[in-house]
Every structure is written in structure tokens, then in C-alpha cells.
Amino acid sequence: MAKFERTKPHVNIGTIGHVDHGKTTLTAAITKALALRGKAQRMNYEDIDNAPEEKARGIT
């Protein structure tokens, strides 16, 4: 059986939900949990919520 080798340096996370139902909070919590395990860079809520991509699409 072949062994899986991760070659991508990142993983994209997408969340779908209604306005003000905690999508950004969930994403921040996921990155915190992964960062504690040394598998991701932690993103604060404010960093995610104020991302240029969010502003460009009129999300925040």
C-alpha cells in the first residue's frame, strides 16, 4: 500500500453559514488548535475578519 506524503504547505478552510453565526470565530479556533500542535500559523479573529479578500468582496 502506498504511503501518503503531504507536499502542500497549506490547507484551505472554507465555511458556509448565515451572517453572524460564528464562521470567523470557528476559523480562528481551528487555526489556534492547529497552531498548538505545530501544524499551522495562528490567525486571530481580527486578522481573518479584516482580510483584504473579505473587504474586496464586501463581506465585512
PDB file of N, CA and C in Angstrom:
ATOM      1  N   MET A   1       0.839  -1.176   0.000  1.00  0.00           N
ATOM      2  CA  MET A   1       0.000   0.000   0.000  1.00  0.00           C
ATOM      3  C   MET A   1       0.886   1.243   0.000  1.00  0.00           C
ATOM      4  N   ALA A   2       0.566   2.221  -0.849  1.00  0.00           N
ATOM      5  CA  ALA A   2       1.345   3.451  -0.957  1.00  0.00           C
ATOM      6  C   ALA A   2       1.132   4.333   0.268  1.00  0.00           C
ATOM      7  N   LYS A   3       2.198   5.020   0.658  1.00  0.00           N
ATOM      8  CA  LYS A   3       2.117   5.929   1.789  1.00  0.00           C
ATOM      9  C   LYS A   3       1.854   7.342   1.272  1.00  0.00           C
ATOM     10  N   PHE A   4       0.888   8.035   1.896  1.00  0.00           N
ATOM     11  CA  PHE A   4       0.563   9.403   1.509  1.00  0.00           C
ATOM     12  C   PHE A   4       1.622  10.352   2.051  1.00  0.00           C
ATOM     13  N   GLU A   5       2.154  11.208   1.189  1.00  0.00           N
ATOM     14  CA  GLU A   5       3.110  12.225   1.614  1.00  0.00           C
ATOM     15  C   GLU A   5       2.532  13.593   1.311  1.00  0.00           C
ATOM     16  N   ARG A   6       2.391  14.405   2.358  1.00  0.00           N
ATOM     17  CA  ARG A   6       1.850  15.750   2.172  1.00  0.00           C
ATOM     18  C   ARG A   6       2.933  16.641   1.592  1.00  0.00           C
ATOM     19  N   THR A   7       2.654  17.222   0.434  1.00  0.00           N
ATOM     20  CA  THR A   7       3.615  18.115  -0.200  1.00  0.00           C
ATOM     21  C   THR A   7       3.114  19.552  -0.229  1.00  0.00           C
ATOM     22  N   LYS A   8       1.832  19.763   0.066  1.00  0.00           N
ATOM     23  CA  LYS A   8       1.299  21.125   0.105  1.00  0.00           C
ATOM     24  C   LYS A   8       1.664  21.773   1.439  1.00  0.00           C
ATOM     25  N   PRO A   9       2.138  23.020   1.418  1.00  0.00           N
ATOM     26  CA  PRO A   9       2.496  23.678   2.674  1.00  0.00           C
ATOM     27  C   PRO A   9       1.295  24.279   3.401  1.00  0.00           C
ATOM     28  N   HIS A  10       0.097  24.196   2.816  1.00  0.00           N
ATOM     29  CA  HIS A  10      -1.076  24.791   3.448  1.00  0.00           C
ATOM     30  C   HIS A  10      -2.331  23.986   3.115  1.00  0.00           C
ATOM     31  N   VAL A  11      -3.363  24.276   3.868  1.00  0.00           N
ATOM     32  CA  VAL A  11      -4.676  23.681   3.616  1.00  0.00           C
ATOM     33  C   VAL A  11      -5.687  24.813   3.666  1.00  0.00           C
ATOM     34  N   ASN A  12      -6.543  24.887   2.672  1.00  0.00           N
ATOM     35  CA  ASN A  12      -7.594  25.902   2.668  1.00  0.00           C
ATOM     36  C   ASN A  12      -8.782  25.406   3.480  1.00  0.00           C
ATOM     37  N   ILE A  13      -9.354  26.321   4.268  1.00  0.00           N
ATOM     38  CA  ILE A  13     -10.535  26.006   5.062  1.00  0.00           C
ATOM     39  C   ILE A  13     -11.663  26.901   4.577  1.00  0.00           C
ATOM     40  N   GLY A  14     -12.795  26.322   4.280  1.00  0.00           N
ATOM     41  CA  GLY A  14     -13.964  27.099   3.869  1.00  0.00           C
ATOM     42  C   GLY A  14     -15.131  26.808   4.789  1.00  0.00           C
ATOM     43  N   THR A  15     -15.866  27.850   5.149  1.00  0.00           N
ATOM     44  CA  THR A  15     -17.051  27.668   5.981  1.00  0.00           C
ATOM     45  C   THR A  15     -18.229  28.350   5.308  1.00  0.00           C
ATOM     46  N   ILE A  16     -19.382  27.752   5.443  1.00  0.00           N
ATOM     47  CA  ILE A  16     -20.609  28.303   4.881  1.00  0.00           C
ATOM     48  C   ILE A  16     -21.604  28.455   6.020  1.00  0.00           C
ATOM     49  N   GLY A  17     -22.255  29.605   6.084  1.00  0.00           N
ATOM     50  CA  GLY A  17     -23.256  29.813   7.125  1.00  0.00           C
ATOM     51  C   GLY A  17     -23.875  31.187   6.997  1.00  0.00           C
ATOM     52  N   HIS A  18     -24.886  31.414   7.792  1.00  0.00           N
ATOM     53  CA  HIS A  18     -25.577  32.697   7.777  1.00  0.00           C
ATOM     54  C   HIS A  18     -24.718  33.770   8.442  1.00  0.00           C
ATOM     55  N   VAL A  19     -25.079  35.020   8.220  1.00  0.00           N
ATOM     56  CA  VAL A  19     -24.377  36.155   8.816  1.00  0.00           C
ATOM     57  C   VAL A  19     -24.444  36.046  10.339  1.00  0.00           C
ATOM     58  N   ASP A  20     -23.334  36.351  10.986  1.00  0.00           N
ATOM     59  CA  ASP A  20     -23.230  36.362  12.451  1.00  0.00           C
ATOM     60  C   ASP A  20     -23.555  35.022  13.106  1.00  0.00           C
ATOM     61  N   HIS A  21     -23.112  33.936  12.484  1.00  0.00           N
ATOM     62  CA  HIS A  21     -23.299  32.626  13.094  1.00  0.00           C
ATOM     63  C   HIS A  21     -21.977  31.966  13.475  1.00  0.00           C
ATOM     64  N   GLY A  22     -20.894  32.743  13.531  1.00  0.00           N
ATOM     65  CA  GLY A  22     -19.646  32.234  14.088  1.00  0.00           C
ATOM     66  C   GLY A  22     -18.651  31.635  13.119  1.00  0.00           C
ATOM     67  N   LYS A  23     -18.768  31.922  11.833  1.00  0.00           N
ATOM     68  CA  LYS A  23     -17.827  31.347  10.859  1.00  0.00           C
ATOM     69  C   LYS A  23     -16.400  31.815  11.117  1.00  0.00           C
ATOM     70  N   THR A  24     -16.216  33.098  11.351  1.00  0.00           N
ATOM     71  CA  THR A  24     -14.875  33.628  11.602  1.00  0.00           C
ATOM     72  C   THR A  24     -14.341  33.120  12.934  1.00  0.00           C
ATOM     73  N   THR A  25     -15.183  33.059  13.932  1.00  0.00           N
ATOM     74  CA  THR A  25     -14.779  32.541  15.238  1.00  0.00           C
ATOM     75  C   THR A  25     -14.349  31.082  15.123  1.00  0.00           C
ATOM     76  N   LEU A  26     -15.092  30.292  14.366  1.00  0.00           N
ATOM     77  CA  LEU A  26     -14.741  28.886  14.156  1.00  0.00           C
ATOM     78  C   LEU A  26     -13.396  28.756  13.447  1.00  0.00           C
ATOM     79  N   THR A  27     -13.187  29.555  12.405  1.00  0.00           N
ATOM     80  CA  THR A  27     -11.929  29.502  11.663  1.00  0.00           C
ATOM     81  C   THR A  27     -10.752  29.890  12.559  1.00  0.00           C
ATOM     82  N   ALA A  28     -10.923  30.924  13.385  1.00  0.00           N
ATOM     83  CA  ALA A  28      -9.865  31.325  14.317  1.00  0.00           C
ATOM     84  C   ALA A  28      -9.575  30.205  15.316  1.00  0.00           C
ATOM     85  N   ALA A  29     -10.608  29.528  15.787  1.00  0.00           N
ATOM     86  CA  ALA A  29     -10.417  28.424  16.737  1.00  0.00           C
ATOM     87  C   ALA A  29      -9.697  27.247  16.085  1.00  0.00           C
ATOM     88  N   ILE A  30     -10.027  26.963  14.829  1.00  0.00           N
ATOM     89  CA  ILE A  30      -9.358  25.870  14.115  1.00  0.00           C
ATOM     90  C   ILE A  30      -7.875  26.178  13.957  1.00  0.00           C
ATOM     91  N   THR A  31      -7.544  27.413  13.547  1.00  0.00           N
ATOM     92  CA  THR A  31      -6.128  27.747  13.374  1.00  0.00           C
ATOM     93  C   THR A  31      -5.391  27.739  14.710  1.00  0.00           C
ATOM     94  N   LYS A  32      -6.059  28.134  15.798  1.00  0.00           N
ATOM     95  CA  LYS A  32      -5.424  28.083  17.117  1.00  0.00           C
ATOM     96  C   LYS A  32      -5.122  26.640  17.509  1.00  0.00           C
ATOM     97  N   ALA A  33      -6.099  25.748  17.317  1.00  0.00           N
ATOM     98  CA  ALA A  33      -5.902  24.339  17.672  1.00  0.00           C
ATOM     99  C   ALA A  33      -4.767  23.724  16.856  1.00  0.00           C
ATOM    100  N   LEU A  34      -4.709  24.032  15.569  1.00  0.00           N
ATOM    101  CA  LEU A  34      -3.631  23.503  14.732  1.00  0.00           C
ATOM    102  C   LEU A  34      -2.284  24.114  15.111  1.00  0.00           C
ATOM    103  N   ALA A  35      -2.267  25.399  15.463  1.00  0.00           N
ATOM    104  CA  ALA A  35      -1.021  26.060  15.857  1.00  0.00           C
ATOM    105  C   ALA A  35      -0.462  25.446  17.138  1.00  0.00           C
ATOM    106  N   LEU A  36      -1.328  25.089  18.067  1.00  0.00           N
ATOM    107  CA  LEU A  36      -0.875  24.459  19.310  1.00  0.00           C
ATOM    108  C   LEU A  36      -0.194  23.123  19.045  1.00  0.00           C
ATOM    109  N   ARG A  37      -0.539  22.491  17.945  1.00  0.00           N
ATOM    110  CA  ARG A  37       0.076  21.218  17.554  1.00  0.00           C
ATOM    111  C   ARG A  37       1.253  21.419  16.606  1.00  0.00           C
ATOM    112  N   GLY A  38       1.563  22.692  16.304  1.00  0.00           N
ATOM    113  CA  GLY A  38       2.686  22.992  15.427  1.00  0.00           C
ATOM    114  C   GLY A  38       2.407  22.731  13.963  1.00  0.00           C
ATOM    115  N   LYS A  39       1.141  22.720  13.576  1.00  0.00           N
ATOM    116  CA  LYS A  39       0.793  22.388  12.204  1.00  0.00           C
ATOM    117  C   LYS A  39       0.216  23.560  11.429  1.00  0.00           C
ATOM    118  N   ALA A  40       0.181  24.745  12.036  1.00  0.00           N
ATOM    119  CA  ALA A  40      -0.376  25.912  11.348  1.00  0.00           C
ATOM    120  C   ALA A  40       0.098  27.178  12.024  1.00  0.00           C
ATOM    121  N   GLN A  41      -0.092  28.275  11.328  1.00  0.00           N
ATOM    122  CA  GLN A  41       0.175  29.587  11.901  1.00  0.00           C
ATOM    123  C   GLN A  41      -1.148  30.111  12.438  1.00  0.00           C
ATOM    124  N   ARG A  42      -1.143  30.557  13.682  1.00  0.00           N
ATOM    125  CA  ARG A  42      -2.381  31.035  14.294  1.00  0.00           C
ATOM    126  C   ARG A  42      -2.838  32.330  13.641  1.00  0.00           C
ATOM    127  N   MET A  43      -4.132  32.412  13.392  1.00  0.00           N
ATOM    128  CA  MET A  43      -4.751  33.622  12.860  1.00  0.00           C
ATOM    129  C   MET A  43      -5.745  34.127  13.894  1.00  0.00           C
ATOM    130  N   ASN A  44      -5.583  35.375  14.315  1.00  0.00           N
ATOM    131  CA  ASN A  44      -6.526  35.963  15.249  1.00  0.00           C
ATOM    132  C   ASN A  44      -7.820  36.306  14.529  1.00  0.00           C
ATOM    133  N   TYR A  45      -8.889  36.413  15.300  1.00  0.00           N
ATOM    134  CA  TYR A  45     -10.200  36.758  14.756  1.00  0.00           C
ATOM    135  C   TYR A  45     -10.120  38.036  13.923  1.00  0.00           C
ATOM    136  N   GLU A  46      -9.461  39.052  14.466  1.00  0.00           N
ATOM    137  CA  GLU A  46      -9.377  40.345  13.785  1.00  0.00           C
ATOM    138  C   GLU A  46      -8.626  40.241  12.459  1.00  0.00           C
ATOM    139  N   ASP A  47      -7.590  39.413  12.418  1.00  0.00           N
ATOM    140  CA  ASP A  47      -6.821  39.238  11.182  1.00  0.00           C
ATOM    141  C   ASP A  47      -7.667  38.597  10.090  1.00  0.00           C
ATOM    142  N   ILE A  48      -8.493  37.654  10.461  1.00  0.00           N
ATOM    143  CA  ILE A  48      -9.354  36.982   9.486  1.00  0.00           C
ATOM    144  C   ILE A  48     -10.467  37.922   9.049  1.00  0.00           C
ATOM    145  N   ASP A  49     -11.090  38.597  10.012  1.00  0.00           N
ATOM    146  CA  ASP A  49     -12.240  39.454   9.729  1.00  0.00           C
ATOM    147  C   ASP A  49     -11.858  40.676   8.906  1.00  0.00           C
ATOM    148  N   ASN A  50     -10.613  41.139   9.026  1.00  0.00           N
ATOM    149  CA  ASN A  50     -10.171  42.332   8.302  1.00  0.00           C
ATOM    150  C   ASN A  50      -9.309  42.003   7.092  1.00  0.00           C
ATOM    151  N   ALA A  51      -9.350  40.776   6.633  1.00  0.00           N
ATOM    152  CA  ALA A  51      -8.542  40.363   5.484  1.00  0.00           C
ATOM    153  C   ALA A  51      -8.957  41.133   4.232  1.00  0.00           C
ATOM    154  N   PRO A  52      -7.988  41.498   3.382  1.00  0.00           N
ATOM    155  CA  PRO A  52      -8.307  42.240   2.156  1.00  0.00           C
ATOM    156  C   PRO A  52      -9.317  41.515   1.267  1.00  0.00           C
ATOM    157  N   GLU A  53      -9.264  40.182   1.246  1.00  0.00           N
ATOM    158  CA  GLU A  53     -10.209  39.420   0.426  1.00  0.00           C
ATOM    159  C   GLU A  53     -11.638  39.613   0.913  1.00  0.00           C
ATOM    160  N   GLU A  54     -11.803  39.698   2.218  1.00  0.00           N
ATOM    161  CA  GLU A  54     -13.137  39.898   2.786  1.00  0.00           C
ATOM    162  C   GLU A  54     -13.665  41.281   2.415  1.00  0.00           C
ATOM    163  N   LYS A  55     -12.825  42.287   2.526  1.00  0.00           N
ATOM    164  CA  LYS A  55     -13.249  43.652   2.204  1.00  0.00           C
ATOM    165  C   LYS A  55     -13.528  43.814   0.716  1.00  0.00           C
ATOM    166  N   ALA A  56     -12.704  43.203  -0.126  1.00  0.00           N
ATOM    167  CA  ALA A  56     -12.877  43.326  -1.579  1.00  0.00           C
ATOM    168  C   ALA A  56     -14.210  42.734  -2.033  1.00  0.00           C
ATOM    169  N   ARG A  57     -14.640  41.687  -1.370  1.00  0.00           N
ATOM    170  CA  ARG A  57     -15.905  41.047  -1.751  1.00  0.00           C
ATOM    171  C   ARG A  57     -17.086  41.621  -0.984  1.00  0.00           C
ATOM    172  N   GLY A  58     -16.819  42.615  -0.127  1.00  0.00           N
ATOM    173  CA  GLY A  58     -17.903  43.250   0.621  1.00  0.00           C
ATOM    174  C   GLY A  58     -18.497  42.376   1.703  1.00  0.00           C
ATOM    175  N   ILE A  59     -17.683  41.462   2.228  1.00  0.00           N
ATOM    176  CA  ILE A  59     -18.184  40.528   3.233  1.00  0.00           C
ATOM    177  C   ILE A  59     -18.185  41.162   4.617  1.00  0.00           C
ATOM    178  N   THR A  60     -17.137  41.916   4.939  1.00  0.00           N
ATOM    179  CA  THR A  60     -17.067  42.524   6.276  1.00  0.00           C
ATOM    180  C   THR A  60     -17.094  44.022   6.164  1.00  0.00           C
TER     181      THR A  60
END
